[in-house]
N, C-alpha and C. Protein backbone atom coordinates (compact mmCIF):
# COMPACT_ATOMS: atom_id res chain seq x y z
N MET A 1 -28.65 -68.73 -47.34
CA MET A 1 -28.57 -67.62 -47.04
C MET A 1 -29.22 -67.70 -45.41
N ARG A 2 -28.97 -66.66 -44.65
CA ARG A 2 -29.57 -67.02 -43.05
C ARG A 2 -30.95 -65.70 -42.96
N SER A 3 -31.66 -66.05 -42.13
CA SER A 3 -32.87 -65.59 -42.31
C SER A 3 -32.72 -63.93 -41.19
N ILE A 4 -33.91 -63.03 -41.43
CA ILE A 4 -33.58 -62.16 -40.78
C ILE A 4 -33.33 -62.36 -39.39
N SER A 5 -34.21 -63.07 -39.08
CA SER A 5 -34.28 -63.20 -37.53
C SER A 5 -32.85 -63.55 -36.78
N SER A 6 -32.31 -64.97 -37.70
CA SER A 6 -30.79 -65.09 -37.41
C SER A 6 -29.63 -63.77 -37.14
N ARG A 7 -29.95 -62.85 -38.17
CA ARG A 7 -28.92 -61.98 -38.79
C ARG A 7 -29.58 -60.78 -37.47
N ARG A 8 -30.16 -60.81 -36.74
CA ARG A 8 -30.74 -60.04 -35.69
C ARG A 8 -30.28 -60.47 -34.36
N ALA A 9 -30.18 -61.92 -34.10
CA ALA A 9 -29.72 -62.37 -33.05
C ALA A 9 -28.07 -62.22 -33.16
N THR A 10 -27.43 -62.55 -34.43
CA THR A 10 -26.18 -62.21 -34.45
C THR A 10 -25.53 -60.79 -34.39
N GLN A 11 -26.56 -60.01 -34.68
CA GLN A 11 -26.05 -58.43 -34.38
C GLN A 11 -26.32 -57.98 -32.95
N VAL A 12 -26.91 -58.69 -32.27
CA VAL A 12 -27.52 -58.36 -31.02
C VAL A 12 -26.24 -58.69 -30.14
N THR A 13 -25.72 -59.88 -30.60
CA THR A 13 -24.71 -60.63 -29.74
C THR A 13 -23.46 -60.08 -29.85
N THR A 14 -23.22 -59.21 -30.91
CA THR A 14 -22.12 -59.01 -31.46
C THR A 14 -21.62 -57.32 -31.06
N ARG A 15 -22.73 -56.91 -30.56
CA ARG A 15 -22.60 -55.32 -30.16
C ARG A 15 -22.76 -55.07 -28.51
N PRO A 16 -21.94 -54.61 -27.83
CA PRO A 16 -22.35 -54.44 -26.21
C PRO A 16 -23.61 -53.57 -25.94
N ARG A 17 -24.12 -54.42 -25.03
CA ARG A 17 -25.41 -54.02 -24.88
C ARG A 17 -25.12 -52.76 -23.87
N VAL A 18 -25.82 -51.61 -24.05
CA VAL A 18 -25.55 -50.44 -23.21
C VAL A 18 -27.07 -49.97 -22.48
N SER A 19 -27.19 -50.05 -21.28
CA SER A 19 -28.54 -49.52 -20.71
C SER A 19 -28.46 -48.99 -19.64
N ALA A 20 -29.13 -47.82 -19.12
CA ALA A 20 -29.53 -46.95 -18.09
C ALA A 20 -29.42 -47.94 -17.03
N PRO A 21 -29.03 -47.39 -15.57
CA PRO A 21 -28.90 -48.53 -15.06
C PRO A 21 -30.13 -48.10 -13.98
N ARG A 22 -30.88 -49.13 -13.38
CA ARG A 22 -31.71 -48.96 -12.47
C ARG A 22 -31.73 -48.48 -11.04
N ILE A 23 -32.54 -47.47 -10.80
CA ILE A 23 -32.74 -47.03 -9.56
C ILE A 23 -33.74 -47.86 -8.71
N SER A 24 -33.02 -48.21 -7.77
CA SER A 24 -33.98 -49.10 -6.76
C SER A 24 -34.80 -48.64 -6.02
N ARG A 25 -34.08 -47.40 -5.10
CA ARG A 25 -35.02 -46.93 -4.28
C ARG A 25 -34.53 -45.04 -4.40
N ALA A 26 -35.36 -44.28 -3.95
CA ALA A 26 -35.29 -43.05 -3.99
C ALA A 26 -34.25 -42.31 -3.42
N ALA A 27 -33.47 -41.60 -3.93
CA ALA A 27 -32.02 -40.59 -2.50
C ALA A 27 -32.56 -39.56 -2.66
N CYS A 28 -32.32 -38.85 -1.65
CA CYS A 28 -32.38 -37.26 -1.23
C CYS A 28 -31.23 -36.91 -1.26
N VAL A 29 -30.54 -35.64 -2.27
CA VAL A 29 -29.40 -35.34 -2.35
C VAL A 29 -29.68 -33.89 -1.72
N VAL A 30 -29.13 -33.23 -1.12
CA VAL A 30 -28.80 -31.84 -0.50
C VAL A 30 -27.72 -31.17 -0.78
N VAL A 31 -27.62 -30.26 -2.12
CA VAL A 31 -26.66 -29.27 -2.40
C VAL A 31 -26.95 -27.98 -2.10
N LYS A 32 -25.56 -27.57 -1.33
CA LYS A 32 -25.77 -26.46 -0.93
C LYS A 32 -24.98 -25.47 -1.83
N ALA A 33 -25.31 -24.13 -2.45
CA ALA A 33 -24.94 -23.81 -3.38
C ALA A 33 -24.74 -22.21 -2.75
N HIS A 34 -24.69 -20.93 -3.49
CA HIS A 34 -24.16 -19.77 -2.86
C HIS A 34 -25.66 -19.32 -2.30
N GLY A 35 -26.25 -19.60 -1.60
CA GLY A 35 -27.68 -19.24 -0.81
C GLY A 35 -27.26 -18.13 0.27
N HIS A 36 -27.99 -17.52 0.33
CA HIS A 36 -28.15 -16.55 1.74
C HIS A 36 -28.76 -16.96 2.75
N GLY A 37 -28.37 -16.96 4.02
CA GLY A 37 -29.57 -17.14 5.07
C GLY A 37 -29.00 -18.88 5.45
N GLY A 38 -29.63 -19.15 6.51
CA GLY A 38 -29.90 -20.65 6.87
C GLY A 38 -28.38 -20.71 7.97
N ALA A 39 -28.28 -21.67 8.36
CA ALA A 39 -27.14 -22.03 9.60
C ALA A 39 -25.81 -21.39 9.10
N ASN A 40 -25.51 -21.62 7.95
CA ASN A 40 -24.16 -21.06 7.68
C ASN A 40 -24.20 -20.63 6.17
N PRO A 41 -24.47 -19.90 6.21
CA PRO A 41 -24.20 -18.60 5.13
C PRO A 41 -23.02 -18.63 4.62
N HIS A 42 -22.93 -18.25 3.26
CA HIS A 42 -21.56 -18.14 2.60
C HIS A 42 -20.56 -19.05 2.71
N GLY A 43 -21.23 -20.35 2.79
CA GLY A 43 -20.25 -21.27 2.94
C GLY A 43 -19.18 -21.51 4.02
N GLY A 44 -20.09 -21.21 5.36
CA GLY A 44 -19.42 -21.30 6.65
C GLY A 44 -19.16 -22.91 7.33
N ALA A 45 -19.01 -22.73 8.33
CA ALA A 45 -18.67 -24.21 9.06
C ALA A 45 -19.54 -25.19 8.25
N THR A 46 -18.98 -26.33 8.48
CA THR A 46 -19.75 -27.21 7.33
C THR A 46 -20.49 -28.18 8.80
N GLY A 47 -20.02 -28.38 9.97
CA GLY A 47 -20.66 -28.76 10.93
C GLY A 47 -20.02 -30.18 11.24
N VAL A 48 -19.28 -30.91 10.16
CA VAL A 48 -18.45 -31.91 10.58
C VAL A 48 -17.27 -31.42 11.48
N LYS A 49 -17.11 -32.09 12.56
CA LYS A 49 -15.85 -31.99 13.57
C LYS A 49 -14.86 -31.95 13.13
N GLY A 50 -14.11 -31.06 13.53
CA GLY A 50 -12.70 -31.20 13.21
C GLY A 50 -12.11 -30.55 11.57
N GLU A 51 -13.35 -30.41 10.85
CA GLU A 51 -13.29 -29.78 9.44
C GLU A 51 -13.25 -28.33 9.53
N LYS A 52 -12.28 -27.91 8.77
CA LYS A 52 -12.51 -26.22 8.90
C LYS A 52 -13.50 -25.54 7.76
N GLY A 53 -14.36 -24.56 8.00
CA GLY A 53 -15.09 -23.87 7.07
C GLY A 53 -14.58 -23.51 5.94
N GLU A 54 -15.34 -22.72 4.96
CA GLU A 54 -14.53 -21.77 4.09
C GLU A 54 -13.78 -20.86 4.67
N LYS A 55 -14.27 -20.11 5.47
CA LYS A 55 -13.78 -18.77 6.07
C LYS A 55 -12.52 -19.02 7.06
N GLU A 56 -12.21 -20.58 7.43
CA GLU A 56 -11.53 -20.58 8.09
C GLU A 56 -9.83 -21.14 7.22
N LYS A 57 -10.02 -21.29 6.20
CA LYS A 57 -8.97 -21.83 5.24
C LYS A 57 -8.46 -20.76 4.70
N GLY A 58 -7.15 -21.18 4.25
CA GLY A 58 -6.58 -20.40 3.25
C GLY A 58 -5.53 -19.38 3.74
N PHE A 59 -4.73 -18.84 2.94
CA PHE A 59 -3.74 -17.96 3.43
C PHE A 59 -4.40 -16.65 3.75
N ILE A 60 -5.34 -16.20 2.92
CA ILE A 60 -6.18 -14.92 2.83
C ILE A 60 -6.68 -14.94 4.27
N ASN A 61 -7.18 -15.57 4.94
CA ASN A 61 -7.85 -15.44 6.35
C ASN A 61 -6.64 -15.17 7.44
N ASP A 62 -5.55 -16.15 6.75
CA ASP A 62 -4.17 -16.04 7.79
C ASP A 62 -3.88 -14.25 7.97
N MET A 63 -3.98 -13.75 6.62
CA MET A 63 -3.75 -12.74 6.51
C MET A 63 -4.48 -11.17 7.31
N ARG A 64 -5.65 -12.01 7.19
CA ARG A 64 -6.68 -11.41 7.79
C ARG A 64 -6.80 -11.40 9.18
N ARG A 65 -6.32 -12.19 9.75
CA ARG A 65 -6.15 -12.51 11.61
C ARG A 65 -5.05 -11.35 11.39
N VAL A 66 -4.07 -11.45 10.95
CA VAL A 66 -2.62 -10.58 11.32
C VAL A 66 -3.07 -9.31 10.93
N ALA A 67 -3.91 -8.80 10.08
CA ALA A 67 -4.39 -7.90 9.88
C ALA A 67 -4.80 -6.95 10.95
N MET A 68 -5.95 -7.84 11.37
CA MET A 68 -7.04 -7.60 12.48
C MET A 68 -6.12 -7.40 13.87
N LYS A 69 -5.10 -7.89 13.98
CA LYS A 69 -4.33 -7.60 15.24
C LYS A 69 -3.91 -6.15 15.40
N LEU A 70 -3.65 -5.59 14.20
CA LEU A 70 -3.09 -4.30 14.05
C LEU A 70 -4.09 -3.43 13.92
N HIS A 71 -5.30 -3.30 13.81
CA HIS A 71 -6.58 -2.47 13.31
C HIS A 71 -6.54 -2.09 15.35
N THR A 72 -7.38 -0.96 15.20
CA THR A 72 -7.57 -0.46 16.67
C THR A 72 -9.02 -1.04 16.76
N LYS A 73 -9.56 -1.02 17.70
CA LYS A 73 -10.75 -1.40 18.36
C LYS A 73 -11.72 -0.14 17.38
N GLY A 74 -11.34 1.25 17.21
CA GLY A 74 -12.12 2.19 16.59
C GLY A 74 -12.05 1.85 14.93
N GLN A 75 -11.00 1.14 14.55
CA GLN A 75 -11.02 0.90 12.80
C GLN A 75 -11.83 -0.49 12.86
N ALA A 76 -11.93 -1.41 13.30
CA ALA A 76 -12.07 -2.22 13.28
C ALA A 76 -13.34 -2.74 14.76
N PRO A 77 -14.49 -2.30 15.19
CA PRO A 77 -14.92 -2.59 16.60
C PRO A 77 -15.11 -3.70 17.18
N LYS A 78 -15.48 -5.13 15.97
CA LYS A 78 -15.80 -6.09 16.33
C LYS A 78 -14.48 -7.22 16.68
N GLU A 79 -13.13 -6.76 15.60
CA GLU A 79 -11.91 -7.70 15.84
C GLU A 79 -10.89 -6.83 16.09
N GLY A 80 -10.99 -5.60 16.24
CA GLY A 80 -9.81 -4.64 16.20
C GLY A 80 -9.14 -5.43 17.68
N GLU A 81 -7.56 -5.27 17.87
CA GLU A 81 -7.21 -5.82 18.88
C GLU A 81 -6.32 -4.63 19.67
N VAL A 82 -6.07 -3.56 19.01
CA VAL A 82 -5.15 -2.41 19.34
C VAL A 82 -6.15 -1.29 20.01
N GLU A 83 -5.89 -1.05 21.34
CA GLU A 83 -6.29 0.26 21.98
C GLU A 83 -6.24 1.43 21.24
N ASP A 84 -7.19 2.24 20.96
CA ASP A 84 -7.25 3.44 20.29
C ASP A 84 -6.17 4.40 21.06
N LYS A 85 -5.18 5.32 20.63
CA LYS A 85 -4.61 6.24 21.08
C LYS A 85 -5.62 7.33 21.01
N PRO A 86 -5.00 8.43 21.76
CA PRO A 86 -5.67 9.73 21.79
C PRO A 86 -5.43 10.42 20.69
N ALA A 87 -6.01 10.92 19.99
CA ALA A 87 -5.89 12.15 18.74
C ALA A 87 -5.02 13.32 19.39
N PRO A 88 -3.99 13.29 18.42
CA PRO A 88 -2.65 14.86 18.81
C PRO A 88 -3.84 15.79 18.79
N GLY A 89 -3.49 16.78 19.77
CA GLY A 89 -4.16 18.07 19.59
C GLY A 89 -3.72 18.82 18.25
N PRO A 90 -4.28 19.59 17.59
CA PRO A 90 -3.78 20.77 16.38
C PRO A 90 -2.34 21.04 16.72
N TRP A 91 -2.17 20.84 15.55
CA TRP A 91 -0.60 21.62 15.50
C TRP A 91 -0.49 22.87 15.24
N THR A 92 -0.27 23.81 16.22
CA THR A 92 0.09 25.16 16.02
C THR A 92 1.78 25.68 15.82
N PRO A 93 1.76 26.50 14.71
CA PRO A 93 3.14 26.79 14.75
C PRO A 93 3.74 27.77 15.57
N THR A 94 4.86 27.66 15.72
CA THR A 94 5.54 29.08 16.50
C THR A 94 6.40 29.94 15.50
N ARG A 95 6.89 30.74 16.11
CA ARG A 95 8.04 31.78 15.69
C ARG A 95 9.44 31.23 15.49
N PRO A 96 9.68 30.55 16.75
CA PRO A 96 11.13 29.83 16.55
C PRO A 96 11.33 28.82 15.41
N GLY A 97 9.93 28.33 15.87
CA GLY A 97 9.87 26.89 14.68
C GLY A 97 9.64 27.26 12.94
N TYR A 98 9.41 28.52 12.57
CA TYR A 98 8.76 29.17 11.52
C TYR A 98 10.48 29.32 11.13
N LEU A 99 11.35 30.19 12.03
CA LEU A 99 12.68 30.93 11.68
C LEU A 99 13.51 29.88 11.79
N ARG A 100 13.62 28.49 12.44
CA ARG A 100 14.30 27.18 11.95
C ARG A 100 13.95 26.86 10.33
N PHE A 101 12.55 26.81 10.11
CA PHE A 101 12.21 26.14 8.71
C PHE A 101 13.24 27.36 8.01
N LEU A 102 12.94 28.21 8.07
CA LEU A 102 13.74 29.42 7.14
C LEU A 102 15.10 28.99 7.03
N SER A 103 15.58 28.79 8.17
CA SER A 103 17.26 28.72 8.05
C SER A 103 17.43 27.41 7.14
N GLU A 104 16.70 26.38 7.69
CA GLU A 104 16.90 24.90 7.06
C GLU A 104 16.82 25.08 5.72
N SER A 105 15.59 25.72 5.30
CA SER A 105 15.52 26.03 3.63
C SER A 105 16.51 26.81 3.16
N LYS A 106 17.09 27.59 3.68
CA LYS A 106 18.21 28.37 3.10
C LYS A 106 19.63 27.43 2.94
N ALA A 107 19.77 26.47 3.73
CA ALA A 107 20.97 25.74 3.59
C ALA A 107 20.62 24.87 2.29
N VAL A 108 19.44 24.36 2.23
CA VAL A 108 19.26 23.68 0.91
C VAL A 108 19.47 24.47 -0.17
N TYR A 109 18.72 25.60 -0.45
CA TYR A 109 18.73 26.24 -1.49
C TYR A 109 20.25 26.99 -2.18
N GLU A 110 21.00 26.88 -0.93
CA GLU A 110 22.38 27.47 -0.86
C GLU A 110 23.04 26.79 -1.86
N VAL A 111 23.15 25.32 -1.17
CA VAL A 111 23.41 24.14 -2.01
C VAL A 111 23.22 23.77 -3.54
N LEU A 112 22.11 24.22 -3.59
CA LEU A 112 21.33 23.77 -5.18
C LEU A 112 21.82 24.99 -5.67
N GLU A 113 22.04 26.12 -5.49
CA GLU A 113 22.59 27.04 -5.98
C GLU A 113 23.92 27.06 -6.60
N LYS A 114 24.80 26.53 -5.71
CA LYS A 114 26.17 26.05 -5.80
C LYS A 114 26.25 25.25 -6.78
N VAL A 115 25.59 24.21 -7.10
CA VAL A 115 25.58 23.16 -7.95
C VAL A 115 25.47 23.75 -9.07
N MET A 116 24.13 24.51 -9.46
CA MET A 116 23.94 25.37 -10.50
C MET A 116 25.14 25.97 -11.12
N GLN A 117 26.10 26.50 -10.49
CA GLN A 117 27.10 27.25 -11.17
C GLN A 117 28.05 26.43 -11.66
N GLU A 118 27.74 25.01 -11.99
CA GLU A 118 29.03 24.16 -12.86
C GLU A 118 28.50 24.51 -13.88
N ALA A 119 29.74 24.09 -15.02
CA ALA A 119 29.51 24.58 -16.44
C ALA A 119 28.65 23.68 -17.22
N LYS A 120 28.43 22.47 -16.75
CA LYS A 120 27.25 21.72 -17.55
C LYS A 120 26.14 22.11 -17.23
N LEU A 121 25.86 22.19 -15.99
CA LEU A 121 24.40 23.07 -15.58
C LEU A 121 24.09 24.34 -15.69
N LYS A 122 24.50 25.17 -16.66
CA LYS A 122 24.55 26.67 -16.90
C LYS A 122 22.87 27.17 -17.14
N GLN A 123 22.45 25.89 -17.87
CA GLN A 123 21.16 26.34 -18.76
C GLN A 123 20.11 26.53 -17.46
N PHE A 124 20.57 26.02 -16.22
CA PHE A 124 19.47 26.16 -15.37
C PHE A 124 19.90 27.27 -14.24
N ARG A 125 20.59 27.93 -14.91
CA ARG A 125 20.75 29.27 -13.73
C ARG A 125 19.50 30.33 -14.52
N ASN A 126 19.86 31.33 -13.55
CA ASN A 126 18.85 32.34 -13.01
C ASN A 126 17.41 31.74 -14.31
N THR A 127 16.83 31.20 -13.38
CA THR A 127 15.44 30.31 -13.53
C THR A 127 14.65 31.02 -12.91
N GLY A 128 14.53 31.53 -11.76
CA GLY A 128 13.39 31.96 -10.86
C GLY A 128 13.46 30.91 -9.49
N LEU A 129 13.92 30.22 -9.74
CA LEU A 129 13.82 29.17 -8.76
C LEU A 129 15.23 29.79 -7.49
N GLU A 130 15.90 30.38 -7.73
CA GLU A 130 16.99 30.80 -7.07
C GLU A 130 16.13 31.68 -5.53
N ARG A 131 16.69 31.27 -4.40
CA ARG A 131 15.86 31.38 -3.23
C ARG A 131 16.48 32.08 -1.86
N SER A 132 17.73 31.36 -2.11
CA SER A 132 18.85 31.85 -0.76
C SER A 132 18.80 33.61 -0.42
N GLY A 133 19.20 34.07 -1.26
CA GLY A 133 19.22 35.42 -1.29
C GLY A 133 17.28 36.20 -0.55
N LYS A 134 16.66 35.65 -1.00
CA LYS A 134 15.37 36.04 -0.66
C LYS A 134 15.13 35.49 0.92
N LEU A 135 15.54 34.27 0.97
CA LEU A 135 15.27 33.65 2.45
C LEU A 135 16.24 34.29 3.21
N ALA A 136 17.37 34.90 2.80
CA ALA A 136 18.39 35.54 3.95
C ALA A 136 17.65 36.68 4.13
N GLU A 137 17.22 37.52 3.09
CA GLU A 137 16.29 38.42 3.59
C GLU A 137 14.89 38.32 5.01
N ASP A 138 14.11 37.14 4.40
CA ASP A 138 13.31 36.82 5.21
C ASP A 138 13.76 36.66 6.72
N ILE A 139 14.89 35.91 6.73
CA ILE A 139 15.43 35.63 8.22
C ILE A 139 15.51 36.99 9.04
N LYS A 140 16.50 37.75 8.03
CA LYS A 140 17.04 38.80 8.88
C LYS A 140 15.60 39.54 9.31
N TRP A 141 14.81 39.68 8.67
CA TRP A 141 13.13 40.56 9.05
C TRP A 141 13.01 40.10 10.28
N TYR A 142 12.81 38.86 10.11
CA TYR A 142 12.37 37.79 10.95
C TYR A 142 12.68 38.15 12.72
N GLU A 143 14.21 38.27 12.39
CA GLU A 143 15.31 38.49 13.55
C GLU A 143 14.99 39.87 14.08
N GLU A 144 14.70 40.58 13.05
CA GLU A 144 14.64 42.00 13.40
C GLU A 144 13.40 42.12 14.29
N THR A 145 12.20 41.60 13.37
CA THR A 145 10.66 42.57 13.82
C THR A 145 10.70 41.28 15.42
N HIS A 146 11.08 40.46 15.44
CA HIS A 146 10.24 39.52 16.65
C HIS A 146 11.34 39.27 17.75
N GLY A 147 12.58 39.42 17.31
CA GLY A 147 13.45 39.63 18.45
C GLY A 147 14.50 38.32 18.67
N LEU A 148 14.33 37.37 17.33
CA LEU A 148 14.47 36.33 17.71
C LEU A 148 16.16 36.30 16.80
N GLN A 149 16.89 35.12 17.15
CA GLN A 149 17.98 34.77 16.63
C GLN A 149 17.84 33.30 16.00
N ALA A 150 18.44 33.64 14.64
CA ALA A 150 18.25 32.27 13.93
C ALA A 150 18.88 30.82 14.56
N PRO A 151 18.66 29.90 14.44
CA PRO A 151 19.26 29.01 15.28
C PRO A 151 20.42 28.17 14.07
N PRO A 152 21.41 27.81 14.83
CA PRO A 152 22.66 27.43 13.77
C PRO A 152 21.82 25.74 13.48
N LEU A 153 22.39 25.45 12.30
CA LEU A 153 21.71 24.08 11.64
C LEU A 153 22.33 22.92 12.44
N ALA A 154 21.74 21.98 13.14
CA ALA A 154 22.63 20.71 13.24
C ALA A 154 22.96 20.07 12.04
N PRO A 155 24.38 19.47 12.13
CA PRO A 155 24.71 18.28 11.13
C PRO A 155 23.93 17.54 10.70
N ASP A 156 23.01 16.96 11.83
CA ASP A 156 22.49 15.82 11.22
C ASP A 156 20.80 16.35 11.20
N GLY A 157 20.49 17.94 11.38
CA GLY A 157 18.82 18.30 10.87
C GLY A 157 18.64 17.75 9.78
N PRO A 158 17.44 18.38 9.55
CA PRO A 158 16.63 18.07 8.06
C PRO A 158 17.31 18.84 6.92
N GLY A 159 17.63 20.63 7.16
CA GLY A 159 18.37 20.75 6.36
C GLY A 159 19.75 20.62 5.52
N ALA A 160 20.38 20.22 6.80
CA ALA A 160 21.97 19.78 6.47
C ALA A 160 21.76 18.63 5.73
N THR A 161 21.09 17.70 6.31
CA THR A 161 21.17 16.30 5.46
C THR A 161 20.27 16.25 4.16
N TYR A 162 19.64 17.04 4.02
CA TYR A 162 18.78 16.96 2.55
C TYR A 162 20.27 17.60 1.47
N ALA A 163 20.62 18.86 2.06
CA ALA A 163 21.59 19.75 1.13
C ALA A 163 22.60 18.78 0.80
N LYS A 164 23.39 18.02 1.86
CA LYS A 164 24.22 17.17 1.59
C LYS A 164 23.65 16.01 0.68
N MET A 165 22.50 15.56 0.46
CA MET A 165 22.32 14.53 -0.17
C MET A 165 22.10 14.83 -1.82
N MET A 166 21.58 16.45 -1.71
CA MET A 166 21.75 17.08 -2.94
C MET A 166 22.71 17.10 -3.81
N ALA A 167 23.72 17.19 -2.94
CA ALA A 167 25.18 17.83 -3.77
C ALA A 167 25.75 16.46 -4.14
N GLU A 168 25.61 15.26 -3.20
CA GLU A 168 26.31 13.82 -3.54
C GLU A 168 25.54 13.76 -5.00
N LEU A 169 24.07 13.88 -4.95
CA LEU A 169 23.46 13.17 -6.08
C LEU A 169 23.77 14.19 -7.17
N ALA A 170 23.87 15.37 -7.06
CA ALA A 170 24.58 16.41 -8.43
C ALA A 170 26.25 15.81 -8.99
N GLU A 171 26.79 14.99 -8.18
CA GLU A 171 28.20 14.62 -8.53
C GLU A 171 27.95 13.33 -9.18
N THR A 172 27.24 12.24 -8.33
CA THR A 172 27.18 10.73 -8.84
C THR A 172 25.97 10.66 -9.82
N ASP A 173 24.80 11.47 -9.92
CA ASP A 173 23.90 11.34 -11.00
C ASP A 173 23.37 12.41 -11.14
N PRO A 174 23.87 13.44 -12.20
CA PRO A 174 23.55 14.58 -12.74
C PRO A 174 21.74 14.53 -13.09
N GLN A 175 21.09 13.72 -13.83
CA GLN A 175 20.28 13.65 -14.21
C GLN A 175 19.31 13.32 -13.24
N ALA A 176 19.19 12.75 -12.02
CA ALA A 176 18.46 12.30 -11.21
C ALA A 176 18.45 13.65 -10.24
N PHE A 177 19.68 14.22 -10.19
CA PHE A 177 19.51 15.64 -9.86
C PHE A 177 18.73 16.56 -10.44
N ILE A 178 19.00 16.72 -11.41
CA ILE A 178 17.83 17.35 -12.48
C ILE A 178 16.22 17.45 -12.08
N ALA A 179 16.32 15.93 -12.21
CA ALA A 179 14.84 15.56 -11.98
C ALA A 179 14.36 15.82 -10.92
N HIS A 180 14.96 16.09 -9.86
CA HIS A 180 14.97 16.16 -8.50
C HIS A 180 14.54 17.97 -8.27
N TYR A 181 15.45 18.85 -8.80
CA TYR A 181 15.24 19.91 -8.91
C TYR A 181 14.31 20.59 -9.21
């Protein structure tokens, strides 16, 4: 039988020896965390030549640079690149302009009411949304009172264009027409 000292020697030699590494000299490590202040707050430039800082990396900064090119100096005084345009004056309605609006609206309502005369849309008749008759009265009164004549509608004007779109929508997609009406 072996002695205790010989067993201990056997155990020590059969197990790998693990020990902590020795530090021969002290090292000073500076870690920059999310601190405010200093020479480069928020992870700014690192000071290494040729290396980009955090604010200069990535696609977000690229998007920001492009966006700043579109901003005016009034929107972004430090980085805006576009000169401010003078603000437009206040909008003032005119009588001829209002008469044109009434005429354009009448054209749209005439088409809507014509479409509603179809058999499949009969439940949408007499809803109180019919306006072409009342608009015709308003236009007549306006012409008589102010001595103006209702302008003819341009084929590519807003009223004619919208009326045409609504008529086409009623034919091609009645559900979308109803949702829009």
